[in-house]
N, C-alpha and C. Protein backbone atom coordinates (compact mmCIF):
# COMPACT_ATOMS: atom_id res chain seq x y z
N MET A 1 -45.45 21.71 13.35
CA MET A 1 -45.26 21.11 14.65
C MET A 1 -45.22 22.15 15.77
N ILE A 2 -44.87 23.37 15.43
CA ILE A 2 -44.84 24.42 16.44
C ILE A 2 -46.24 24.64 17.01
N MET A 3 -47.26 24.45 16.17
CA MET A 3 -48.64 24.62 16.63
C MET A 3 -48.93 23.71 17.83
N PHE A 4 -48.41 22.50 17.82
CA PHE A 4 -48.65 21.57 18.92
C PHE A 4 -47.98 22.02 20.20
N LYS A 5 -46.94 22.82 20.10
CA LYS A 5 -46.27 23.34 21.30
C LYS A 5 -47.15 24.34 22.04
N LEU A 6 -48.20 24.84 21.37
CA LEU A 6 -49.14 25.76 22.04
C LEU A 6 -49.92 25.03 23.13
N ILE A 7 -50.01 23.72 23.02
CA ILE A 7 -50.64 22.89 24.05
C ILE A 7 -49.53 22.49 25.01
N SER A 8 -49.67 22.85 26.26
CA SER A 8 -48.61 22.50 27.20
C SER A 8 -48.58 20.98 27.40
N PHE A 9 -47.40 20.50 27.66
CA PHE A 9 -47.21 19.07 27.89
C PHE A 9 -48.06 18.61 29.07
N ARG A 10 -48.01 19.35 30.17
CA ARG A 10 -48.76 18.96 31.37
C ARG A 10 -50.26 18.92 31.08
N PHE A 11 -50.78 19.91 30.34
CA PHE A 11 -52.20 19.91 29.97
C PHE A 11 -52.52 18.68 29.14
N ALA A 12 -51.67 18.37 28.17
CA ALA A 12 -51.91 17.21 27.29
C ALA A 12 -51.96 15.91 28.10
N VAL A 13 -51.01 15.76 29.02
CA VAL A 13 -50.98 14.55 29.86
C VAL A 13 -52.24 14.46 30.72
N ASN A 14 -52.57 15.56 31.40
CA ASN A 14 -53.74 15.55 32.29
C ASN A 14 -55.04 15.33 31.50
N ALA A 15 -55.19 16.03 30.39
CA ALA A 15 -56.40 15.90 29.58
C ALA A 15 -56.53 14.48 29.02
N GLN A 16 -55.43 13.93 28.54
CA GLN A 16 -55.47 12.58 27.97
C GLN A 16 -55.77 11.56 29.06
N ALA A 17 -55.18 11.70 30.22
CA ALA A 17 -55.46 10.77 31.33
C ALA A 17 -56.93 10.84 31.72
N LEU A 18 -57.48 12.04 31.76
CA LEU A 18 -58.90 12.20 32.08
C LEU A 18 -59.79 11.56 31.01
N LEU A 19 -59.48 11.82 29.75
CA LEU A 19 -60.27 11.24 28.65
C LEU A 19 -60.22 9.71 28.68
N ILE A 20 -59.03 9.17 28.87
CA ILE A 20 -58.89 7.71 28.92
C ILE A 20 -59.70 7.14 30.08
N SER A 21 -59.62 7.77 31.22
CA SER A 21 -60.38 7.29 32.38
C SER A 21 -61.87 7.30 32.10
N MET A 22 -62.35 8.36 31.46
CA MET A 22 -63.77 8.45 31.11
C MET A 22 -64.16 7.37 30.10
N VAL A 23 -63.28 7.10 29.16
CA VAL A 23 -63.55 6.06 28.16
C VAL A 23 -63.61 4.68 28.82
N ILE A 24 -62.72 4.43 29.77
CA ILE A 24 -62.76 3.15 30.49
C ILE A 24 -64.08 3.00 31.23
N VAL A 25 -64.52 4.05 31.89
CA VAL A 25 -65.82 4.01 32.59
C VAL A 25 -66.93 3.75 31.58
N PHE A 26 -66.88 4.41 30.44
CA PHE A 26 -67.89 4.20 29.40
C PHE A 26 -67.95 2.72 29.00
N HIS A 27 -66.78 2.12 28.75
CA HIS A 27 -66.75 0.71 28.34
C HIS A 27 -67.25 -0.21 29.45
N LEU A 28 -66.97 0.14 30.68
CA LEU A 28 -67.51 -0.64 31.80
C LEU A 28 -69.05 -0.53 31.84
N LEU A 29 -69.58 0.63 31.51
CA LEU A 29 -71.04 0.80 31.45
C LEU A 29 -71.64 -0.02 30.31
N VAL A 30 -70.91 -0.15 29.22
CA VAL A 30 -71.38 -1.01 28.12
C VAL A 30 -71.39 -2.46 28.58
N ILE A 31 -70.31 -2.91 29.21
CA ILE A 31 -70.24 -4.29 29.69
C ILE A 31 -71.35 -4.57 30.70
N SER A 32 -71.65 -3.60 31.55
CA SER A 32 -72.68 -3.80 32.57
C SER A 32 -74.09 -3.78 31.98
N GLY A 33 -74.23 -3.33 30.75
CA GLY A 33 -75.54 -3.28 30.12
C GLY A 33 -76.27 -1.96 30.30
N ILE A 34 -75.68 -1.05 31.06
CA ILE A 34 -76.31 0.25 31.26
C ILE A 34 -76.36 1.01 29.93
N ILE A 35 -75.30 0.90 29.14
CA ILE A 35 -75.28 1.45 27.78
C ILE A 35 -75.38 0.26 26.83
N PRO A 36 -76.34 0.27 25.91
CA PRO A 36 -76.50 -0.87 25.00
C PRO A 36 -75.31 -1.03 24.05
N TYR A 37 -74.85 -2.25 23.90
CA TYR A 37 -73.68 -2.48 23.06
C TYR A 37 -73.98 -2.27 21.58
N THR A 38 -75.23 -2.15 21.23
CA THR A 38 -75.60 -1.94 19.83
C THR A 38 -75.20 -0.56 19.31
N ILE A 39 -74.87 0.36 20.23
CA ILE A 39 -74.50 1.70 19.78
C ILE A 39 -72.99 1.92 19.73
N VAL A 40 -72.20 0.89 20.02
CA VAL A 40 -70.75 1.02 19.96
C VAL A 40 -70.19 0.15 18.86
N TRP A 41 -68.91 0.34 18.59
CA TRP A 41 -68.21 -0.43 17.56
C TRP A 41 -68.95 -0.33 16.22
N ALA A 42 -69.38 0.89 15.92
CA ALA A 42 -70.06 1.22 14.66
C ALA A 42 -71.32 0.39 14.46
N GLY A 43 -71.89 -0.11 15.56
CA GLY A 43 -73.13 -0.88 15.47
C GLY A 43 -72.96 -2.25 14.85
N ARG A 44 -71.75 -2.75 14.84
CA ARG A 44 -71.46 -4.01 14.14
C ARG A 44 -71.33 -5.24 15.04
N LEU A 45 -71.48 -5.06 16.35
CA LEU A 45 -71.40 -6.22 17.25
C LEU A 45 -72.66 -7.05 17.12
N GLN A 46 -72.50 -8.36 17.03
CA GLN A 46 -73.62 -9.25 16.76
C GLN A 46 -74.13 -10.00 17.98
N SER A 47 -73.34 -10.02 19.05
CA SER A 47 -73.74 -10.81 20.22
C SER A 47 -73.09 -10.26 21.48
N THR A 48 -73.59 -10.74 22.61
CA THR A 48 -73.00 -10.37 23.90
C THR A 48 -71.56 -10.85 23.96
N ARG A 49 -71.31 -12.02 23.40
CA ARG A 49 -69.94 -12.56 23.39
C ARG A 49 -69.00 -11.63 22.62
N ASP A 50 -69.45 -11.16 21.44
CA ASP A 50 -68.65 -10.20 20.68
C ASP A 50 -68.38 -8.95 21.51
N MET A 51 -69.44 -8.45 22.16
CA MET A 51 -69.32 -7.24 22.96
C MET A 51 -68.30 -7.42 24.07
N LEU A 52 -68.37 -8.53 24.79
CA LEU A 52 -67.43 -8.77 25.89
C LEU A 52 -66.00 -8.81 25.39
N LEU A 53 -65.79 -9.45 24.25
CA LEU A 53 -64.45 -9.55 23.68
C LEU A 53 -63.93 -8.17 23.29
N PHE A 54 -64.71 -7.44 22.50
CA PHE A 54 -64.26 -6.14 22.01
C PHE A 54 -64.14 -5.11 23.13
N GLU A 55 -65.06 -5.11 24.06
CA GLU A 55 -64.99 -4.17 25.17
C GLU A 55 -63.80 -4.49 26.09
N SER A 56 -63.54 -5.77 26.30
CA SER A 56 -62.38 -6.16 27.12
C SER A 56 -61.08 -5.73 26.47
N ILE A 57 -60.98 -5.92 25.17
CA ILE A 57 -59.79 -5.48 24.43
C ILE A 57 -59.65 -3.96 24.53
N SER A 58 -60.75 -3.26 24.37
CA SER A 58 -60.72 -1.80 24.45
C SER A 58 -60.28 -1.32 25.82
N ILE A 59 -60.82 -1.93 26.86
CA ILE A 59 -60.43 -1.55 28.23
C ILE A 59 -58.94 -1.84 28.45
N LEU A 60 -58.47 -2.97 28.00
CA LEU A 60 -57.06 -3.31 28.15
C LEU A 60 -56.17 -2.30 27.42
N LEU A 61 -56.52 -1.97 26.18
CA LEU A 61 -55.73 -1.00 25.43
C LEU A 61 -55.74 0.37 26.09
N ASN A 62 -56.90 0.77 26.58
CA ASN A 62 -56.99 2.06 27.26
C ASN A 62 -56.19 2.07 28.56
N MET A 63 -56.15 0.96 29.25
CA MET A 63 -55.35 0.87 30.48
C MET A 63 -53.86 0.96 30.15
N VAL A 64 -53.45 0.32 29.05
CA VAL A 64 -52.06 0.42 28.61
C VAL A 64 -51.73 1.88 28.28
N LEU A 65 -52.63 2.54 27.55
CA LEU A 65 -52.39 3.94 27.20
C LEU A 65 -52.34 4.81 28.45
N LEU A 66 -53.22 4.57 29.39
CA LEU A 66 -53.21 5.34 30.64
C LEU A 66 -51.89 5.15 31.38
N LEU A 67 -51.40 3.94 31.41
CA LEU A 67 -50.12 3.65 32.04
C LEU A 67 -48.98 4.39 31.33
N VAL A 68 -48.98 4.34 30.00
CA VAL A 68 -47.93 5.01 29.22
C VAL A 68 -47.98 6.53 29.44
N VAL A 69 -49.19 7.10 29.38
CA VAL A 69 -49.34 8.54 29.56
C VAL A 69 -48.89 8.97 30.95
N THR A 70 -49.25 8.21 31.96
CA THR A 70 -48.85 8.58 33.32
C THR A 70 -47.35 8.38 33.54
N MET A 71 -46.75 7.42 32.86
CA MET A 71 -45.29 7.28 32.93
C MET A 71 -44.62 8.44 32.21
N LYS A 72 -45.10 8.74 31.03
CA LYS A 72 -44.52 9.84 30.24
C LYS A 72 -44.67 11.16 31.00
N GLY A 73 -45.77 11.33 31.71
CA GLY A 73 -45.99 12.54 32.49
C GLY A 73 -45.33 12.52 33.86
N SER A 74 -44.59 11.47 34.16
CA SER A 74 -43.86 11.31 35.43
C SER A 74 -44.79 11.25 36.65
N TYR A 75 -46.02 10.82 36.45
CA TYR A 75 -46.90 10.60 37.59
C TYR A 75 -46.58 9.27 38.27
N ILE A 76 -46.10 8.33 37.48
CA ILE A 76 -45.58 7.08 38.02
C ILE A 76 -44.22 6.84 37.38
N ALA A 77 -43.40 6.06 38.04
CA ALA A 77 -42.06 5.79 37.54
C ALA A 77 -42.14 4.99 36.24
N ALA A 78 -41.37 5.43 35.27
CA ALA A 78 -41.31 4.71 33.99
C ALA A 78 -40.52 3.42 34.19
N VAL A 79 -41.13 2.32 33.85
CA VAL A 79 -40.46 1.02 33.98
C VAL A 79 -39.93 0.53 32.64
N VAL A 80 -40.13 1.33 31.61
CA VAL A 80 -39.59 1.04 30.28
C VAL A 80 -38.93 2.32 29.77
N PRO A 81 -38.00 2.18 28.82
CA PRO A 81 -37.32 3.36 28.29
C PRO A 81 -38.29 4.32 27.58
N GLN A 82 -37.92 5.59 27.55
CA GLN A 82 -38.73 6.62 26.88
C GLN A 82 -38.99 6.28 25.42
N LYS A 83 -38.02 5.66 24.77
CA LYS A 83 -38.20 5.30 23.35
C LYS A 83 -39.35 4.30 23.19
N VAL A 84 -39.49 3.40 24.13
CA VAL A 84 -40.59 2.43 24.09
C VAL A 84 -41.92 3.14 24.34
N LEU A 85 -41.93 4.04 25.32
CA LEU A 85 -43.15 4.81 25.58
C LEU A 85 -43.56 5.60 24.35
N ASN A 86 -42.57 6.23 23.71
CA ASN A 86 -42.87 6.99 22.50
C ASN A 86 -43.37 6.11 21.36
N ALA A 87 -42.79 4.93 21.21
CA ALA A 87 -43.25 4.02 20.16
C ALA A 87 -44.71 3.60 20.41
N ILE A 88 -45.03 3.32 21.65
CA ILE A 88 -46.40 2.95 21.99
C ILE A 88 -47.34 4.12 21.71
N LEU A 89 -46.92 5.33 22.06
CA LEU A 89 -47.74 6.51 21.78
C LEU A 89 -47.97 6.68 20.28
N TRP A 90 -46.95 6.44 19.47
CA TRP A 90 -47.12 6.54 18.01
C TRP A 90 -48.13 5.52 17.50
N VAL A 91 -48.12 4.33 18.07
CA VAL A 91 -49.12 3.32 17.69
C VAL A 91 -50.52 3.85 18.01
N PHE A 92 -50.67 4.44 19.17
CA PHE A 92 -51.98 4.98 19.55
C PHE A 92 -52.37 6.18 18.69
N ILE A 93 -51.42 6.98 18.27
CA ILE A 93 -51.74 8.09 17.36
C ILE A 93 -52.34 7.54 16.08
N VAL A 94 -51.72 6.50 15.54
CA VAL A 94 -52.25 5.87 14.32
C VAL A 94 -53.62 5.26 14.58
N LEU A 95 -53.77 4.54 15.70
CA LEU A 95 -55.06 3.93 16.03
C LEU A 95 -56.16 4.98 16.19
N PHE A 96 -55.86 6.07 16.91
CA PHE A 96 -56.85 7.12 17.10
C PHE A 96 -57.21 7.79 15.76
N SER A 97 -56.22 7.97 14.91
CA SER A 97 -56.49 8.58 13.60
C SER A 97 -57.39 7.68 12.76
N LEU A 98 -57.09 6.39 12.73
CA LEU A 98 -57.93 5.45 11.97
C LEU A 98 -59.32 5.34 12.60
N ASN A 99 -59.37 5.36 13.92
CA ASN A 99 -60.64 5.28 14.62
C ASN A 99 -61.50 6.51 14.36
N THR A 100 -60.86 7.66 14.21
CA THR A 100 -61.60 8.89 13.87
C THR A 100 -62.30 8.72 12.53
N ILE A 101 -61.60 8.16 11.57
CA ILE A 101 -62.20 7.92 10.26
C ILE A 101 -63.34 6.91 10.39
N GLY A 102 -63.11 5.84 11.15
CA GLY A 102 -64.15 4.82 11.36
C GLY A 102 -65.38 5.39 12.04
N ASN A 103 -65.17 6.26 13.03
CA ASN A 103 -66.30 6.86 13.73
C ASN A 103 -67.13 7.76 12.81
N MET A 104 -66.49 8.37 11.84
CA MET A 104 -67.23 9.21 10.90
C MET A 104 -68.18 8.38 10.03
N MET A 105 -67.89 7.07 9.94
CA MET A 105 -68.71 6.19 9.11
C MET A 105 -69.61 5.27 9.94
N ALA A 106 -69.75 5.55 11.22
CA ALA A 106 -70.56 4.71 12.10
C ALA A 106 -72.03 4.77 11.70
N LYS A 107 -72.75 3.70 12.03
CA LYS A 107 -74.18 3.61 11.73
C LYS A 107 -75.00 4.58 12.56
N TYR A 108 -74.54 4.85 13.77
CA TYR A 108 -75.31 5.66 14.71
C TYR A 108 -74.73 7.06 14.83
N THR A 109 -75.60 8.05 14.70
CA THR A 109 -75.20 9.45 14.78
C THR A 109 -74.52 9.76 16.10
N LEU A 110 -75.01 9.18 17.19
CA LEU A 110 -74.43 9.43 18.50
C LEU A 110 -72.95 9.07 18.52
N GLU A 111 -72.62 7.94 17.94
CA GLU A 111 -71.21 7.52 17.91
C GLU A 111 -70.39 8.50 17.08
N THR A 112 -70.94 8.92 15.96
CA THR A 112 -70.23 9.88 15.10
C THR A 112 -70.04 11.20 15.82
N ILE A 113 -71.09 11.72 16.42
CA ILE A 113 -71.02 13.03 17.07
C ILE A 113 -70.14 13.00 18.32
N LEU A 114 -70.24 11.95 19.10
CA LEU A 114 -69.52 11.88 20.38
C LEU A 114 -68.08 11.41 20.23
N PHE A 115 -67.87 10.36 19.47
CA PHE A 115 -66.56 9.73 19.47
C PHE A 115 -65.61 10.21 18.38
N THR A 116 -66.13 10.80 17.31
CA THR A 116 -65.22 11.35 16.30
C THR A 116 -64.35 12.45 16.91
N PRO A 117 -64.94 13.45 17.58
CA PRO A 117 -64.08 14.46 18.19
C PRO A 117 -63.17 13.88 19.29
N LEU A 118 -63.68 12.92 20.04
CA LEU A 118 -62.90 12.33 21.13
C LEU A 118 -61.63 11.66 20.60
N THR A 119 -61.77 10.86 19.55
CA THR A 119 -60.59 10.17 19.01
C THR A 119 -59.64 11.15 18.32
N PHE A 120 -60.21 12.18 17.68
CA PHE A 120 -59.38 13.21 17.05
C PHE A 120 -58.56 13.96 18.11
N VAL A 121 -59.21 14.39 19.17
CA VAL A 121 -58.53 15.10 20.25
C VAL A 121 -57.49 14.18 20.90
N SER A 122 -57.82 12.92 21.08
CA SER A 122 -56.86 11.98 21.68
C SER A 122 -55.62 11.83 20.80
N ALA A 123 -55.80 11.80 19.48
CA ALA A 123 -54.65 11.72 18.57
C ALA A 123 -53.77 12.96 18.72
N ILE A 124 -54.40 14.13 18.81
CA ILE A 124 -53.65 15.39 18.96
C ILE A 124 -52.91 15.41 20.30
N LEU A 125 -53.60 15.02 21.38
CA LEU A 125 -52.96 15.02 22.70
C LEU A 125 -51.80 14.04 22.75
N CYS A 126 -51.98 12.85 22.19
CA CYS A 126 -50.87 11.87 22.17
C CYS A 126 -49.70 12.40 21.35
N LEU A 127 -50.00 13.08 20.25
CA LEU A 127 -48.92 13.66 19.44
C LEU A 127 -48.16 14.72 20.25
N ARG A 128 -48.89 15.54 20.98
CA ARG A 128 -48.21 16.54 21.82
C ARG A 128 -47.36 15.87 22.89
N ILE A 129 -47.88 14.83 23.49
CA ILE A 129 -47.15 14.12 24.56
C ILE A 129 -45.88 13.48 24.00
N VAL A 130 -45.98 12.86 22.85
CA VAL A 130 -44.82 12.16 22.27
C VAL A 130 -43.74 13.16 21.83
N MET A 131 -44.12 14.40 21.55
CA MET A 131 -43.16 15.40 21.11
C MET A 131 -42.27 15.92 22.25
N GLU A 132 -42.70 15.71 23.48
CA GLU A 132 -41.94 16.21 24.64
C GLU A 132 -40.64 15.42 24.79
N LYS A 133 -39.56 16.14 24.94
CA LYS A 133 -38.25 15.50 25.15
C LYS A 133 -38.15 15.02 26.58
N ALA A 134 -37.50 13.89 26.77
CA ALA A 134 -37.28 13.35 28.12
C ALA A 134 -36.39 14.30 28.90
N LYS A 135 -36.69 14.42 30.19
CA LYS A 135 -35.91 15.32 31.04
C LYS A 135 -34.93 14.57 31.89
């Protein structure tokens, strides 16, 4: 765990907020049709309806994570206790870890190459953020 302390808390918060924001933009580009939905969700979406559902859920989850990260980083006032923020971050650590494994098995190389490192780094950054003691 000392290894994670080499990443500063502020860097982890800023980097994670930036990554989440970029991911939200990416999902909006998928919804808009600029990026084809056939290359996301491991190539398993069967229809526009499926895409809208899954992309909407993804955007919502990413917005929740962005809110939690910005609260934990004191960019906005925390409206829930730190223990709740930490619990939510642990859920995301598990989700990012499982998603990393899923991305490694994606049908499309682009998804594997682009999103495997992204979800892995997000898991590491969330772990660093959750390790910070409340001040």
